[in-house]
Protein backbone atom coordinates (compact mmCIF):
# COMPACT_ATOMS: atom_id res chain seq x y z
CA MET A 1 64.21 -42.56 37.76
CA LYS A 2 64.21 -39.32 40.21
CA PHE A 3 66.32 -37.52 40.50
CA GLY A 4 68.18 -34.86 42.93
CA LEU A 5 67.85 -31.57 42.89
CA ARG A 6 71.10 -30.27 41.81
CA THR A 7 70.58 -32.98 38.68
CA LYS A 8 67.19 -31.43 38.29
CA LEU A 9 68.44 -27.24 38.58
CA THR A 10 71.28 -28.70 36.11
CA LEU A 11 69.30 -31.07 33.10
CA LEU A 12 67.04 -27.79 33.49
CA TYR A 13 69.98 -24.83 33.08
CA ALA A 14 71.98 -27.16 30.24
CA ALA A 15 68.06 -27.82 28.18
CA LEU A 16 67.74 -24.06 28.48
CA PHE A 17 71.03 -23.04 27.27
CA ALA A 18 71.08 -25.86 24.22
CA VAL A 19 67.51 -23.71 23.61
CA VAL A 20 68.77 -20.64 23.49
CA LEU A 21 72.46 -21.11 22.14
CA GLY A 22 69.61 -23.35 19.16
CA LEU A 23 67.61 -20.55 18.37
CA LEU A 24 71.17 -17.92 18.27
CA GLY A 25 72.53 -20.45 16.05
CA ALA A 26 69.90 -20.91 13.91
CA PHE A 27 68.97 -16.53 13.66
CA PHE A 28 73.21 -16.51 12.97
CA TYR A 29 72.86 -19.09 10.57
CA HIS A 30 69.88 -17.65 8.47
CA ALA A 31 71.20 -14.42 8.97
CA MET A 32 74.63 -15.03 7.79
CA ALA A 33 73.25 -16.87 4.44
CA ALA A 34 70.95 -14.20 4.22
CA ARG A 35 73.57 -11.39 3.83
CA LEU A 36 76.05 -13.25 1.81
CA ASP A 37 73.20 -13.96 -0.86
CA THR A 38 72.50 -10.47 -0.72
CA GLY A 39 76.30 -9.97 -1.36
CA VAL A 40 76.33 -12.45 -4.12
CA THR A 41 73.25 -10.34 -5.59
CA ASP A 42 74.62 -6.96 -4.83
CA GLU A 43 77.70 -7.75 -7.04
CA LEU A 44 76.34 -9.14 -9.14
CA ASP A 45 74.70 -5.64 -9.60
CA GLN A 46 78.30 -3.80 -9.92
CA ARG A 47 79.37 -6.08 -12.32
CA ALA A 48 76.71 -5.72 -14.82
CA ALA A 49 77.02 -1.60 -14.11
CA GLY A 50 80.61 -2.08 -14.30
CA LEU A 51 80.34 -3.95 -17.77
CA ARG A 52 77.98 -1.85 -19.57
CA GLY A 53 80.77 0.63 -19.56
CA TYR A 54 82.81 -1.71 -20.95
CA ILE A 55 80.85 -2.40 -24.23
CA ASN A 56 80.79 -0.49 -27.76
CA PHE A 57 79.08 -1.23 -30.49
CA VAL A 58 81.19 -2.27 -33.51
CA ASP A 59 79.13 -2.43 -37.25
CA GLY A 60 76.36 -2.19 -34.67
CA LYS A 61 77.64 -5.77 -32.92
CA PRO A 62 78.37 -4.96 -28.75
CA THR A 63 81.75 -5.68 -28.44
CA LEU A 64 84.18 -5.35 -24.69
CA VAL A 65 86.49 -2.54 -25.14
CA TYR A 66 89.29 -2.10 -22.86
CA ASP A 67 92.89 -1.03 -21.77
CA ARG A 68 94.32 -4.78 -22.12
CA ASP A 69 97.45 -2.92 -20.43
CA ASP A 70 95.81 -1.77 -17.39
CA PRO A 71 95.40 -4.54 -14.67
CA GLU A 72 92.43 -3.09 -12.73
CA GLU A 73 90.26 -3.03 -15.92
CA THR A 74 92.01 -5.87 -17.33
CA HIS A 75 91.00 -8.15 -13.54
CA PHE A 76 87.64 -6.92 -13.72
CA ILE A 77 86.99 -7.82 -16.89
CA ARG A 78 88.57 -11.16 -16.34
CA LEU A 79 86.47 -11.45 -12.93
CA ALA A 80 83.46 -10.15 -14.91
CA THR A 81 83.32 -12.08 -17.88
CA ARG A 82 83.58 -15.00 -16.27
CA TYR A 83 80.35 -16.34 -16.89
CA TYR A 84 78.58 -13.91 -19.47
CA GLN A 85 76.57 -13.54 -22.61
CA ILE A 86 74.85 -11.76 -25.13
CA TYR A 87 71.62 -12.18 -26.82
CA ASP A 88 70.00 -10.90 -30.32
CA ALA A 89 66.34 -9.83 -28.69
CA ALA A 90 65.54 -10.22 -32.42
CA ASP A 91 65.77 -13.67 -33.13
CA GLY A 92 67.23 -14.79 -29.83
CA HIS A 93 70.08 -16.53 -31.10
CA LEU A 94 73.66 -16.17 -28.53
CA VAL A 95 75.85 -13.25 -30.05
CA GLU A 96 78.99 -13.41 -27.71
CA ARG A 97 79.55 -16.01 -24.63
CA SER A 98 82.49 -16.46 -22.41
CA ARG A 99 84.75 -19.26 -22.17
CA GLU A 100 83.45 -20.76 -19.11
CA MET A 101 79.67 -20.59 -20.69
CA ASP A 102 81.35 -22.32 -23.45
CA LEU A 103 82.08 -25.84 -21.49
CA LEU A 104 79.13 -25.22 -19.45
CA ASP A 105 76.46 -25.28 -22.39
CA VAL A 106 73.75 -23.36 -20.42
CA ASP A 107 72.74 -21.32 -23.38
CA LEU A 108 68.58 -20.03 -23.68
CA SER A 109 66.39 -20.86 -26.07
CA PRO A 110 64.71 -18.00 -28.19
CA ASP A 111 61.25 -17.85 -25.45
CA GLU A 112 64.06 -17.73 -22.96
CA VAL A 113 65.49 -14.35 -23.53
CA ALA A 114 61.89 -13.03 -25.05
CA GLU A 115 61.54 -14.15 -21.07
CA ARG A 116 64.47 -12.19 -19.76
CA ILE A 117 63.79 -9.37 -22.36
CA ALA A 118 60.53 -8.46 -20.91
CA GLU A 119 61.36 -9.20 -17.05
CA PRO A 120 64.74 -8.43 -17.02
CA GLY A 121 66.40 -9.63 -13.21
CA ILE A 122 67.97 -12.60 -11.34
CA ASP A 123 67.67 -16.00 -12.11
CA GLU A 124 69.87 -18.84 -11.12
CA PHE A 125 71.03 -22.25 -13.14
CA ASP A 126 72.32 -25.18 -11.57
CA THR A 127 75.18 -27.51 -13.77
CA GLU A 128 75.89 -30.97 -12.82
CA SER A 129 78.78 -29.57 -10.15
CA ASP A 130 77.97 -25.91 -9.19
CA ARG A 131 74.96 -23.33 -9.33
CA LEU A 132 74.90 -20.14 -10.71
CA ARG A 133 72.98 -17.08 -10.77
CA PHE A 134 73.04 -14.42 -13.12
CA HIS A 135 71.89 -11.12 -13.83
CA ASN A 136 69.61 -10.34 -16.97
CA SER A 137 69.55 -6.52 -18.15
CA VAL A 138 68.44 -5.14 -21.50
CA LEU A 139 71.44 -3.25 -23.94
CA ARG A 140 70.15 -0.98 -26.58
CA ALA A 141 72.67 -0.20 -29.73
CA PRO A 142 72.54 3.53 -30.75
CA ASP A 143 70.59 2.30 -33.85
CA ARG A 144 67.33 1.17 -31.02
CA HIS A 145 68.24 -2.91 -31.95
CA VAL A 146 67.91 -4.67 -27.94
CA TYR A 147 70.74 -6.94 -26.88
CA LEU A 148 70.43 -9.01 -23.33
CA LEU A 149 73.45 -8.64 -21.37
CA ARG A 150 73.70 -11.82 -18.58
CA VAL A 151 76.64 -11.49 -15.85
CA GLY A 152 76.68 -15.09 -14.11
CA ALA A 153 78.83 -15.72 -10.57
CA SER A 154 78.79 -18.83 -9.16
CA LEU A 155 77.37 -20.22 -5.91
CA GLY A 156 79.36 -22.56 -4.86
CA PRO A 157 81.87 -20.41 -2.50
CA LEU A 158 78.45 -19.06 -0.51
CA GLN A 159 77.40 -22.69 -0.75
CA ALA A 160 80.58 -24.11 0.98
CA THR A 161 80.67 -21.09 3.57
CA LEU A 162 77.47 -21.89 4.87
CA ARG A 163 78.28 -25.64 4.73
CA GLU A 164 80.87 -24.95 7.45
CA LEU A 165 79.27 -22.66 9.22
CA LYS A 166 76.43 -24.92 9.49
CA LYS A 167 79.33 -27.75 10.54
CA THR A 168 81.04 -25.30 13.16
CA LEU A 169 77.27 -24.95 14.85
CA GLU A 170 76.92 -28.10 14.68
CA LEU A 171 80.20 -28.58 16.72
CA MET A 172 80.74 -26.02 18.89
CA ILE A 173 76.74 -25.97 20.20
CA PRO A 174 76.64 -29.49 21.92
CA ALA A 175 80.46 -27.93 23.03
CA ALA A 176 79.24 -25.41 24.41
CA VAL A 177 76.00 -27.01 26.12
CA PHE A 178 78.11 -29.60 27.81
CA VAL A 179 80.49 -27.38 29.26
CA ALA A 180 77.33 -24.96 30.53
CA ALA A 181 76.33 -28.31 31.52
CA LEU A 182 79.26 -28.92 33.88
CA GLY A 183 79.47 -25.08 34.96
CA GLY A 184 76.21 -25.75 36.16
CA TRP A 185 76.64 -28.97 38.04
CA PHE A 186 79.41 -26.75 39.89
CA MET A 187 77.53 -24.19 40.55
CA ALA A 188 74.20 -25.78 42.25
CA ARG A 189 76.25 -27.71 43.74
CA LEU A 190 77.86 -24.35 45.61
CA ALA A 191 74.61 -22.74 45.53
CA LEU A 192 72.80 -25.73 47.48
CA ARG A 193 75.56 -26.42 50.10
CA PRO A 194 74.19 -23.83 52.11
CA VAL A 195 70.74 -26.01 52.08
CA GLY A 196 72.98 -28.81 52.96
CA GLU A 197 73.79 -27.15 56.49
CA LEU A 198 70.24 -26.18 56.97
CA ARG A 199 69.41 -29.76 56.39
CA ARG A 200 72.14 -30.82 58.77
CA ALA A 201 72.09 -28.02 61.63
CA ALA A 202 67.74 -28.97 61.41
CA HIS A 203 68.76 -32.66 62.20
CA ARG A 204 70.50 -32.30 65.23
CA ILE A 205 67.71 -30.12 66.63
CA SER A 206 65.51 -32.30 68.73
CA ILE A 207 63.40 -31.88 71.37
CA SER A 208 65.36 -31.50 73.97
CA ASN A 209 67.48 -28.56 72.42
CA LEU A 210 65.36 -26.60 70.68
CA ASP A 211 67.03 -23.61 71.89
CA ARG A 212 69.49 -24.20 68.95
CA ARG A 213 69.23 -22.39 65.60
CA LEU A 214 70.11 -22.46 61.80
CA PRO A 215 72.52 -20.74 60.69
CA GLN A 216 72.15 -17.60 58.73
CA SER A 217 74.72 -15.95 56.43
CA GLY A 218 72.94 -12.83 56.69
CA THR A 219 72.81 -12.09 53.21
CA GLY A 220 69.35 -11.77 53.17
CA ASP A 221 68.54 -13.82 50.47
CA GLU A 222 66.28 -16.74 49.86
CA LEU A 223 68.17 -19.01 51.93
CA ASP A 224 68.50 -16.79 55.11
CA LEU A 225 64.51 -16.01 55.19
CA LEU A 226 63.98 -20.23 54.70
CA ALA A 227 65.79 -20.28 57.96
CA ALA A 228 64.82 -17.51 59.69
CA THR A 229 60.93 -18.95 58.88
CA PHE A 230 61.91 -22.05 60.58
CA ASN A 231 64.05 -20.53 63.16
CA ASN A 232 60.84 -18.71 64.27
CA VAL A 233 59.12 -22.08 64.14
CA PHE A 234 61.57 -23.46 66.91
CA GLU A 235 61.06 -20.70 68.63
CA ARG A 236 57.14 -21.27 68.75
CA LEU A 237 57.67 -24.56 69.60
CA GLN A 238 60.45 -24.11 72.33
CA LYS A 239 57.88 -21.94 73.73
CA SER A 240 54.86 -24.23 73.58
CA VAL A 241 57.13 -27.27 75.15
CA GLU A 242 58.36 -24.81 77.88
CA GLN A 243 54.57 -24.09 78.31
CA MET A 244 53.86 -27.36 78.70
CA ARG A 245 56.37 -28.83 80.94
CA GLU A 246 55.35 -25.97 83.02
CA PHE A 247 51.74 -27.13 82.60
CA SER A 248 52.90 -30.73 83.28
CA VAL A 249 54.42 -29.38 86.76
CA SER A 250 51.84 -27.38 87.96
CA ILE A 251 48.44 -29.29 86.40
CA SER A 252 50.83 -32.92 88.87
CA HIS A 253 50.68 -30.13 92.05
CA GLU A 254 47.30 -29.64 91.56
CA LEU A 255 45.64 -33.56 90.92
CA ARG A 256 48.73 -34.69 93.26
CA THR A 257 47.07 -32.25 96.53
CA PRO A 258 43.96 -33.12 95.86
CA LEU A 259 44.41 -36.86 94.70
CA THR A 260 46.73 -37.24 97.98
CA ALA A 261 44.35 -35.75 101.01
CA LEU A 262 41.99 -38.48 99.25
CA GLN A 263 44.66 -41.19 99.63
CA GLY A 264 45.71 -39.61 103.16
CA GLU A 265 41.75 -39.29 104.43
CA ALA A 266 40.66 -42.63 102.88
CA GLU A 267 43.42 -44.79 104.66
CA ILE A 268 43.14 -43.29 108.28
CA THR A 269 39.29 -43.72 107.85
CA LEU A 270 39.79 -47.27 107.26
CA MET A 271 42.43 -47.55 110.23
CA ARG A 272 40.39 -46.27 112.56
CA ALA A 273 37.59 -47.71 114.18
CA SER A 274 34.82 -44.34 113.02
CA THR A 275 31.35 -43.97 113.73
CA VAL A 276 28.80 -42.86 111.05
CA GLU A 277 29.51 -38.78 111.61
CA ASP A 278 33.13 -39.17 111.20
CA TYR A 279 32.47 -41.41 107.72
CA ARG A 280 30.38 -38.19 106.54
CA ARG A 281 32.92 -35.81 107.49
CA VAL A 282 35.66 -37.67 105.52
CA LEU A 283 33.03 -38.04 102.88
CA THR A 284 32.35 -34.51 102.74
CA SER A 285 35.46 -33.17 102.50
CA GLN A 286 36.56 -35.92 99.88
CA LEU A 287 33.52 -34.42 97.46
CA GLU A 288 34.88 -31.42 97.83
CA GLU A 289 38.30 -32.03 96.33
CA LEU A 290 36.99 -34.35 94.05
CA GLY A 291 34.83 -31.04 93.08
CA LYS A 292 38.30 -29.30 92.33
CA LEU A 293 39.66 -32.04 90.35
CA SER A 294 35.83 -31.88 88.05
CA ARG A 295 36.34 -28.14 88.25
CA LEU A 296 40.21 -28.59 86.83
CA VAL A 297 38.79 -31.12 84.25
CA ASN A 298 36.46 -28.96 83.08
CA GLN A 299 38.33 -26.17 82.53
CA LEU A 300 40.42 -28.06 80.88
CA LEU A 301 38.06 -29.50 78.13
CA THR A 302 36.77 -26.42 77.73
CA LEU A 303 39.48 -24.32 76.83
CA ALA A 304 40.29 -27.27 74.54
CA ARG A 305 36.93 -27.52 72.63
CA ALA A 306 37.26 -22.84 72.92
CA GLU A 307 40.67 -23.28 71.20
CA SER A 308 39.69 -26.16 68.59
CA GLY A 309 37.02 -23.65 67.25
CA GLN A 310 34.51 -26.72 68.62
CA LEU A 311 32.74 -23.52 71.34
CA LYS A 312 29.10 -23.43 70.69
CA LEU A 313 27.24 -20.50 71.48
CA GLU A 314 24.11 -19.68 71.84
CA ALA A 315 23.63 -15.96 71.40
CA ARG A 316 21.08 -13.96 72.15
CA GLU A 317 20.53 -10.44 72.55
CA MET A 318 21.33 -9.09 76.36
CA ASP A 319 22.19 -6.37 78.96
CA LEU A 320 25.82 -6.54 80.07
CA SER A 321 25.07 -3.70 82.32
CA GLU A 322 22.19 -6.07 84.16
CA MET A 323 24.64 -9.15 84.25
CA VAL A 324 27.33 -7.45 85.72
CA ARG A 325 25.37 -5.90 88.36
CA SER A 326 24.05 -9.41 89.16
CA LEU A 327 27.49 -11.32 89.14
CA ALA A 328 29.36 -8.49 91.32
CA GLU A 329 26.55 -9.26 94.19
CA GLN A 330 27.05 -12.74 94.05
CA MET A 331 30.90 -12.16 94.26
CA GLU A 332 30.40 -9.42 97.02
CA PRO A 333 30.67 -11.83 99.84
CA ILE A 334 33.79 -13.38 98.80
CA ALA A 335 35.24 -9.55 97.95
CA SER A 336 33.94 -9.05 101.71
CA TYR A 337 35.40 -12.14 103.40
CA SER A 338 39.02 -11.11 101.65
CA GLY A 339 38.99 -7.50 103.27
CA ILE A 340 38.73 -6.29 99.55
CA ARG A 341 36.15 -3.54 98.40
CA LEU A 342 34.50 -4.35 95.42
CA ALA A 343 32.27 -1.82 93.58
CA VAL A 344 30.11 -1.76 90.16
CA THR A 345 31.53 2.00 89.96
CA GLY A 346 29.26 2.50 86.23
CA ALA A 347 27.02 0.79 84.23
CA GLU A 348 24.95 2.41 81.73
CA PRO A 349 21.72 0.43 81.36
CA GLY A 350 20.41 -1.03 77.92
CA THR A 351 24.03 -1.63 77.24
CA TRP A 352 22.70 -4.70 74.56
CA ILE A 353 25.30 -7.41 73.08
CA ALA A 354 24.36 -10.44 71.21
CA ALA A 355 26.18 -13.20 73.47
CA ASP A 356 25.77 -16.45 75.01
CA PRO A 357 25.08 -15.77 79.33
CA GLN A 358 27.00 -18.91 80.42
CA TRP A 359 30.11 -18.51 78.31
CA LEU A 360 29.78 -14.34 79.23
CA GLU A 361 29.72 -15.11 82.52
CA ARG A 362 32.61 -17.10 82.96
CA VAL A 363 34.26 -14.29 81.41
CA VAL A 364 32.84 -12.23 84.37
CA LEU A 365 33.67 -14.74 86.88
CA ASN A 366 36.65 -15.29 85.56
CA LEU A 367 37.95 -11.59 85.94
CA LEU A 368 36.41 -10.58 89.09
CA ASP A 369 37.92 -13.97 90.86
CA ASN A 370 41.19 -12.82 89.54
CA ALA A 371 41.26 -9.49 90.68
CA ILE A 372 39.72 -10.74 94.12
CA LYS A 373 42.87 -13.23 94.17
CA PHE A 374 45.49 -10.33 93.51
CA THR A 375 44.75 -7.90 95.21
CA ARG A 376 45.49 -7.51 99.11
CA GLU A 377 43.64 -6.68 102.06
CA GLY A 378 41.98 -3.50 101.98
CA GLY A 379 42.42 -3.44 98.32
CA SER A 380 39.37 -2.56 96.04
CA VAL A 381 38.00 -3.59 92.67
CA GLU A 382 36.05 -1.91 90.38
CA VAL A 383 33.53 -3.11 87.59
CA ALA A 384 32.41 -1.22 84.77
CA VAL A 385 30.44 -0.97 81.87
CA THR A 386 30.16 1.30 79.34
CA ARG A 387 29.06 1.72 75.64
CA ALA A 388 30.84 3.69 72.81
CA ASN A 389 31.67 3.82 68.77
CA GLY A 390 28.96 0.73 68.71
CA GLU A 391 31.23 -1.43 70.90
CA ALA A 392 30.76 -2.22 75.05
CA ARG A 393 33.28 -2.22 77.49
CA LEU A 394 33.48 -3.85 80.37
CA GLN A 395 36.30 -2.67 83.02
CA VAL A 396 37.38 -4.96 85.68
CA ARG A 397 39.77 -2.51 87.55
CA ASP A 398 41.65 -3.63 90.94
CA THR A 399 44.53 -2.32 93.06
CA GLY A 400 46.42 -5.31 93.62
CA ALA A 401 50.62 -6.35 92.48
CA GLY A 402 50.27 -5.78 88.85
CA ILE A 403 51.95 -7.53 85.98
CA PRO A 404 55.26 -7.25 85.17
CA GLN A 405 55.32 -5.52 81.69
CA LEU A 406 57.82 -8.25 80.43
CA ALA A 407 54.72 -10.93 81.16
CA LEU A 408 51.79 -8.46 79.40
CA PRO A 409 52.40 -9.72 76.33
CA HIS A 410 52.11 -13.88 77.98
CA ILE A 411 49.31 -13.62 80.46
CA PHE A 412 46.93 -14.83 77.52
CA GLU A 413 48.64 -17.76 76.54
CA ARG A 414 48.04 -21.02 77.89
CA PHE A 415 49.56 -22.49 81.53
CA TYR A 416 51.49 -19.25 81.52
CA ARG A 417 51.92 -17.22 85.29
CA ALA A 418 53.38 -13.98 85.31
CA ASP A 419 54.85 -14.88 88.71
CA GLY A 420 56.18 -17.50 89.87
CA SER A 421 56.24 -16.68 93.81
CA ARG A 422 52.74 -15.29 93.67
CA SER A 423 51.82 -18.88 91.99
CA LYS A 424 52.30 -20.48 94.97
CA GLU A 425 50.24 -18.48 97.26
CA VAL A 426 47.29 -18.17 94.47
CA ALA A 427 45.32 -21.71 93.51
CA GLY A 428 45.57 -21.74 89.43
CA VAL A 429 47.60 -23.35 86.34
CA GLY A 430 47.00 -20.44 84.25
CA LEU A 431 44.34 -21.19 82.48
CA GLY A 432 41.34 -18.53 83.20
CA LEU A 433 42.52 -15.90 81.21
CA SER A 434 43.34 -18.22 78.04
CA LEU A 435 39.58 -19.44 78.40
CA VAL A 436 38.34 -15.88 78.75
CA ARG A 437 40.19 -14.91 75.48
CA SER A 438 38.85 -17.78 73.70
CA ILE A 439 35.33 -17.22 74.56
CA VAL A 440 35.20 -13.09 73.73
CA GLN A 441 37.18 -13.84 70.70
CA ALA A 442 34.40 -16.78 69.95
CA HIS A 443 31.64 -13.49 70.50
CA ARG A 444 33.95 -10.96 67.93
CA GLY A 445 35.26 -9.35 70.87
CA ARG A 446 38.75 -8.72 72.05
CA VAL A 447 40.44 -8.11 75.61
CA GLU A 448 42.90 -5.51 76.54
CA VAL A 449 45.09 -5.19 79.69
CA GLN A 450 46.49 -2.79 81.30
CA SER A 451 49.22 -2.91 84.47
CA GLU A 452 51.79 -1.18 86.62
CA LEU A 453 53.27 -3.08 89.66
CA ASN A 454 52.26 -2.75 92.95
CA VAL A 455 49.56 -0.27 91.50
CA GLY A 456 46.88 -2.39 89.63
CA SER A 457 45.86 -3.86 86.53
CA THR A 458 42.96 -3.07 84.57
CA PHE A 459 41.10 -5.81 82.07
CA THR A 460 38.85 -4.20 79.47
CA VAL A 461 36.58 -6.73 77.63
CA VAL A 462 35.46 -4.73 74.09
CA LEU A 463 31.89 -6.58 72.64
CA PRO A 464 30.11 -5.44 69.97
CA LEU A 465 26.93 -3.62 70.57
CA ALA A 466 23.48 -5.79 69.11
CA ARG A 467 21.10 -3.30 67.17
CA ALA A 468 18.75 -3.02 70.64
CA GLY A 469 22.04 -1.05 72.37
CA ALA A 470 22.53 0.77 69.06
CA GLU A 471 19.81 2.06 69.07
CA ALA A 472 19.84 3.05 72.57
CA VAL A 473 22.11 4.40 71.70
CA ALA A 474 21.14 6.75 68.97
CA GLU A 475 17.85 7.73 71.19
CA PRO A 476 19.56 10.17 73.45
CA SER A 477 21.32 11.57 71.28
CA GLY A 478 18.76 12.61 68.70
CA HIS A 479 16.68 13.69 71.29
CA LEU A 480 19.31 15.88 72.71
CA ALA A 481 19.49 17.09 68.96
CA GLY A 482 15.78 17.72 69.01
């Protein structure tokens, strides 16, 4: 049988309460029994000590002497001598005893008298209807004759009190546990009510209304923290869904344009009588569109592999400065065609890093391509490579339109494009920077960006130097020191 959380909490609370009450009840019972037992023993000690003061020796025999007209003395003597015996230690015969003891017939044998003379103290004796406790002490007559004084008390009241206490505990503990279980049930219901509200609120959230959030009480308790955590998850999910929707629109547009061109050219070519040159021209145009589609699909596949950790790197030591100079020379004609000056302003030779050349080329080309795309005619793009503190730094600085500050935290997200108006003018679906970040992170590096609207942007790729690069940095400083 499966129980709900409220039932489990109630049972756990009731069981814990029962154990605590049981332990407390047992402790209280034994503590009370010990206290009552000690009280009886102390009372016997006091009675024996007080009774010795009223025993006189007449003709060598112990005799009780007290003022019978004094009610206090009379009451004490009656109480102390209810269970009372005096034995002669010489032969163990009974000298005197109370009426109660005469009726109970619990006399000691001479050997038992000798034992109690040798070791006075407390002993107990069971009768048919009661249990008695005796205090044994030695009396010495003026002539040095020895007697045994036994003063007893019934343990019946003590045992009756303990029986009543046990019955009371046996009734009260289950009743208290039952009341506690009821209270625990309602307390669990009250405590879990917000959980039910969270469940109902979460049930109402779907893919179509991810902007809704779970309610928070503002108390800062565990349920509030749980609601805040789920709200963060919903927020991230909402952003991912929005990005996917934007991507769907962008990718649909990017795919529709070349597909429409391919279909239109094919239809027109089939409708008209064409020469071989016409077919060659159409096929050449279609190959260009197919190349765009192929590059887009490859970019998507590459990004998916990178984000899933399946990006395979074949790292080797290489000079980052040399690679950057070479790639900048390749991109310079494209920049010149757009009226943009592309220059390598600084590239320290011997900046050695351990990287996969093919993947790192994609990083540099993506950054250069972005800088050229978003820089107006007459602007400039500058590239620099430096090294410091065991790191190589590649900087791509442009004088383009810049990136809004609110967009900076998101530009490396998949499918994100900072400016919708610019997105219409510039080709792409917002995957390039995501791919750049994934490749750099796979090389144990990081990407930083600084930008200002209408001033330009600076992208910085930071990668760890290889040992050869570190030695290259150390050699000049050692030379100068010498």
